[in-house]
Amino acid sequence: MHSLKTRIQQDGIVLSDEVLKVDSFLNHQVDPELMKEMGEEFCRRFQDKKITKVLTLESSGIAPALFTALNLGVPLIFARKRKSLTLNEDILTAEVYSFTKQETSTISVSKKFLNQDDHVLIIDDFLANGQAGLGLIEVVTKAKASISGIGIVIEKAFQNGGELLRDTGYQVESLARISSLENSTVSFLEEEVTV
């Protein structure tokens, strides 16, 4: 997605060979026009699926997932990372390790929002080591729902998460695939174009 790649190059800050900061438009301050465009693109890429729910992880995945759900005309569910007094029984859980935060969280979704009749599109902001995606897959599997695909805003293709998720057999679509952050420079993986 050209506009996303341009925005990453203009406003993304490379903090190390493994960490890219995009808080000016994606995961602190949010650019609604860019989110709208991403939602349309995810909808286009998964339009042949019979999606009934979009699932993401709080909090940075919510904005792109919401616009995707809006375009698909289905509800958005976000898995909570923090315990809540109102979400304490009949929940689906999974353990997720965050590379960026260097901590493990128990994510949870109420059973009343996911069931065996659902076809779920998972959306997340970043794909690095694949742990968030695998945790969301586990939640959907526990609900006995079907996974229609996985949409990622930014994939760090130089880490193993993309391979882990693609090895599950699900369709994985990333809007921007980064091949390297070395020398404080963002390099994108060139996608093969078939004509």
Protein backbone atom coordinates (compact mmCIF):
# COMPACT_ATOMS: atom_id res chain seq x y z
CA MET A 1 0.00 0.00 0.00
CA HIS A 2 1.84 3.00 -1.34
CA SER A 3 0.38 5.68 0.97
CA LEU A 4 1.26 3.65 4.06
CA LYS A 5 4.82 3.04 2.87
CA THR A 6 5.21 6.75 2.12
CA ARG A 7 3.94 7.64 5.58
CA ILE A 8 6.31 5.16 7.23
CA GLN A 9 9.25 6.69 5.35
CA GLN A 10 8.18 10.26 6.16
CA ASP A 11 7.10 9.91 9.79
CA GLY A 12 8.40 6.56 11.05
CA ILE A 13 11.36 6.69 13.44
CA VAL A 14 13.81 3.80 13.45
CA LEU A 15 14.81 3.25 17.09
CA SER A 16 17.01 0.20 16.42
CA ASP A 17 17.55 -2.56 13.86
CA GLU A 18 14.38 -4.19 15.24
CA VAL A 19 12.11 -1.34 16.42
CA LEU A 20 10.15 1.14 14.30
CA LYS A 21 8.17 3.92 15.99
CA VAL A 22 5.00 4.99 14.15
CA ASP A 23 3.21 6.76 16.98
CA SER A 24 2.50 9.90 14.94
CA PHE A 25 -0.08 8.15 12.73
CA LEU A 26 -0.84 4.58 13.95
CA ASN A 27 -0.38 3.66 17.57
CA HIS A 28 -0.57 6.83 19.66
CA GLN A 29 -1.88 9.58 17.43
CA VAL A 30 -4.10 8.11 14.70
CA ASP A 31 -4.56 9.42 11.15
CA PRO A 32 -8.22 8.66 10.37
CA GLU A 33 -7.83 9.17 6.62
CA LEU A 34 -5.01 6.64 6.49
CA MET A 35 -7.04 4.23 8.69
CA LYS A 36 -9.99 4.64 6.32
CA GLU A 37 -7.77 3.76 3.36
CA MET A 38 -6.34 0.74 5.20
CA GLY A 39 -9.83 -0.49 6.08
CA GLU A 40 -10.81 -0.28 2.41
CA GLU A 41 -7.67 -2.17 1.38
CA PHE A 42 -8.18 -4.96 3.92
CA CYS A 43 -11.81 -5.21 2.78
CA ARG A 44 -10.64 -5.50 -0.85
CA ARG A 45 -8.09 -8.22 0.00
CA PHE A 46 -10.57 -10.34 1.98
CA GLN A 47 -13.80 -9.53 0.11
CA ASP A 48 -14.27 -13.11 -1.09
CA LYS A 49 -14.49 -14.42 2.48
CA LYS A 50 -17.77 -14.60 4.39
CA ILE A 51 -16.52 -12.57 7.34
CA THR A 52 -18.90 -12.07 10.26
CA LYS A 53 -16.50 -10.51 12.82
CA VAL A 54 -13.22 -8.62 12.90
CA LEU A 55 -10.95 -9.40 15.86
CA THR A 56 -7.95 -7.41 17.07
CA LEU A 57 -5.89 -6.86 20.19
CA GLU A 58 -6.13 -3.70 22.23
CA SER A 59 -5.08 -1.04 21.72
CA SER A 60 -3.07 -0.24 18.61
CA GLY A 61 -4.97 -2.66 16.40
CA ILE A 62 -8.33 -1.06 17.14
CA ALA A 63 -8.18 1.84 14.66
CA PRO A 64 -7.33 -0.16 11.50
CA ALA A 65 -9.62 -3.00 12.62
CA LEU A 66 -12.54 -0.63 13.18
CA PHE A 67 -12.27 0.82 9.68
CA THR A 68 -11.99 -2.70 8.28
CA ALA A 69 -15.11 -3.80 10.17
CA LEU A 70 -16.94 -0.69 8.97
CA ASN A 71 -16.08 -1.49 5.35
CA LEU A 72 -17.11 -5.13 5.79
CA GLY A 73 -20.32 -4.17 7.63
CA VAL A 74 -19.56 -6.45 10.60
CA PRO A 75 -18.84 -5.96 14.33
CA LEU A 76 -15.36 -5.43 15.71
CA ILE A 77 -14.19 -7.31 18.80
CA PHE A 78 -10.99 -6.43 20.57
CA ALA A 79 -9.25 -8.82 22.91
CA ARG A 80 -8.45 -7.15 26.21
CA LYS A 81 -4.96 -7.28 27.67
CA ARG A 82 -5.95 -6.04 31.10
CA LYS A 83 -8.30 -7.58 33.61
CA SER A 84 -11.70 -5.97 33.89
CA LEU A 85 -14.35 -6.23 36.60
CA THR A 86 -16.98 -6.55 33.87
CA LEU A 87 -15.14 -9.29 31.94
CA ASN A 88 -14.66 -12.01 34.50
CA GLU A 89 -16.60 -15.10 33.48
CA ASP A 90 -17.27 -17.07 30.31
CA ILE A 91 -14.14 -15.79 28.66
CA LEU A 92 -11.75 -17.14 26.05
CA THR A 93 -8.09 -16.52 26.91
CA ALA A 94 -4.58 -16.93 25.51
CA GLU A 95 -1.09 -15.91 26.60
CA VAL A 96 0.68 -13.38 24.35
CA TYR A 97 4.28 -12.23 24.62
CA SER A 98 4.96 -8.66 23.45
CA PHE A 99 8.37 -8.17 21.86
CA THR A 100 8.11 -4.37 22.17
CA LYS A 101 7.03 -4.37 25.82
CA GLN A 102 9.05 -7.46 26.78
CA GLU A 103 6.13 -8.88 28.79
CA THR A 104 3.49 -11.59 28.63
CA SER A 105 -0.20 -10.69 28.82
CA THR A 106 -3.30 -12.82 29.15
CA ILE A 107 -5.69 -11.67 26.44
CA SER A 108 -9.40 -12.29 26.80
CA VAL A 109 -12.62 -12.13 24.81
CA SER A 110 -16.13 -12.76 26.11
CA LYS A 111 -17.60 -16.04 24.81
CA LYS A 112 -20.84 -14.23 24.01
CA PHE A 113 -19.16 -12.35 21.13
CA LEU A 114 -17.52 -15.32 19.33
CA ASN A 115 -19.13 -18.64 18.46
CA GLN A 116 -18.89 -21.56 16.06
CA ASP A 117 -20.95 -19.75 13.40
CA ASP A 118 -18.46 -16.88 13.11
CA HIS A 119 -15.95 -16.34 10.31
CA VAL A 120 -13.28 -14.11 11.79
CA LEU A 121 -10.80 -11.75 10.19
CA ILE A 122 -7.89 -11.00 12.52
CA ILE A 123 -6.32 -7.54 12.15
CA ASP A 124 -3.18 -6.30 13.93
CA ASP A 125 -0.94 -3.26 13.66
CA PHE A 126 2.45 -5.01 13.68
CA LEU A 127 3.75 -8.47 12.89
CA ALA A 128 7.21 -9.18 14.31
CA ASN A 129 7.47 -12.50 16.13
CA GLY A 130 3.87 -13.55 15.49
CA GLN A 131 2.86 -14.02 19.11
CA ALA A 132 -0.15 -11.66 19.02
CA GLY A 133 -1.46 -13.37 15.89
CA LEU A 134 -0.98 -16.83 17.37
CA GLY A 135 -2.77 -15.73 20.55
CA LEU A 136 -5.71 -14.38 18.56
CA ILE A 137 -5.81 -17.61 16.52
CA GLU A 138 -5.95 -19.54 19.80
CA VAL A 139 -8.91 -17.44 21.03
CA VAL A 140 -10.83 -17.99 17.77
CA THR A 141 -10.04 -21.73 17.87
CA LYS A 142 -11.29 -22.01 21.47
CA ALA A 143 -14.55 -20.38 20.32
CA LYS A 144 -14.78 -23.05 17.57
CA ALA A 145 -15.13 -20.20 15.07
CA SER A 146 -13.48 -20.15 11.62
CA ILE A 147 -10.54 -17.93 10.70
CA SER A 148 -11.05 -16.15 7.37
CA GLY A 149 -7.61 -14.56 7.30
CA ILE A 150 -5.12 -12.31 9.02
CA GLY A 151 -4.50 -8.68 8.05
CA ILE A 152 -1.38 -6.88 9.22
CA VAL A 153 -0.66 -3.17 8.85
CA ILE A 154 3.17 -3.39 9.12
CA GLU A 155 5.11 -6.64 8.93
CA LYS A 156 8.75 -6.80 9.94
CA ALA A 157 9.57 -9.46 7.33
CA PHE A 158 13.10 -9.86 8.69
CA GLN A 159 11.66 -11.45 11.84
CA ASN A 160 10.02 -14.89 11.98
CA GLY A 161 6.39 -13.92 12.71
CA GLY A 162 5.27 -13.81 9.10
CA GLU A 163 6.59 -17.32 8.49
CA LEU A 164 4.96 -18.59 11.71
CA LEU A 165 1.55 -17.20 10.75
CA ARG A 166 1.76 -18.28 7.11
CA ASP A 167 2.70 -21.79 8.28
CA THR A 168 -0.73 -22.00 9.95
CA GLY A 169 -2.22 -22.14 6.45
CA TYR A 170 -4.32 -18.99 6.81
CA GLN A 171 -4.25 -16.17 4.29
CA VAL A 172 -1.94 -13.47 5.70
CA GLU A 173 -1.99 -10.03 4.06
CA SER A 174 0.41 -7.28 5.12
CA LEU A 175 -0.04 -3.73 3.83
CA ALA A 176 3.66 -2.91 4.24
CA ARG A 177 6.45 -5.50 4.55
CA ILE A 178 9.72 -4.17 5.91
CA SER A 179 12.86 -6.08 4.91
CA SER A 180 15.28 -4.12 7.10
CA LEU A 181 15.65 -1.31 9.62
CA GLU A 182 19.45 -1.36 9.47
CA ASN A 183 21.43 1.89 9.41
CA SER A 184 18.30 3.75 10.63
CA THR A 185 16.72 3.24 7.21
CA VAL A 186 13.38 1.60 6.43
CA SER A 187 13.68 -0.80 3.48
CA PHE A 188 10.61 -2.53 2.08
CA LEU A 189 10.36 -6.05 0.76
CA GLU A 190 9.52 -5.83 -2.92
CA GLU A 191 6.38 -7.76 -3.63
CA GLU A 192 6.30 -10.01 -6.66
CA VAL A 193 3.75 -8.77 -9.16
CA THR A 194 2.16 -11.32 -11.46
CA VAL A 195 0.83 -10.09 -14.79
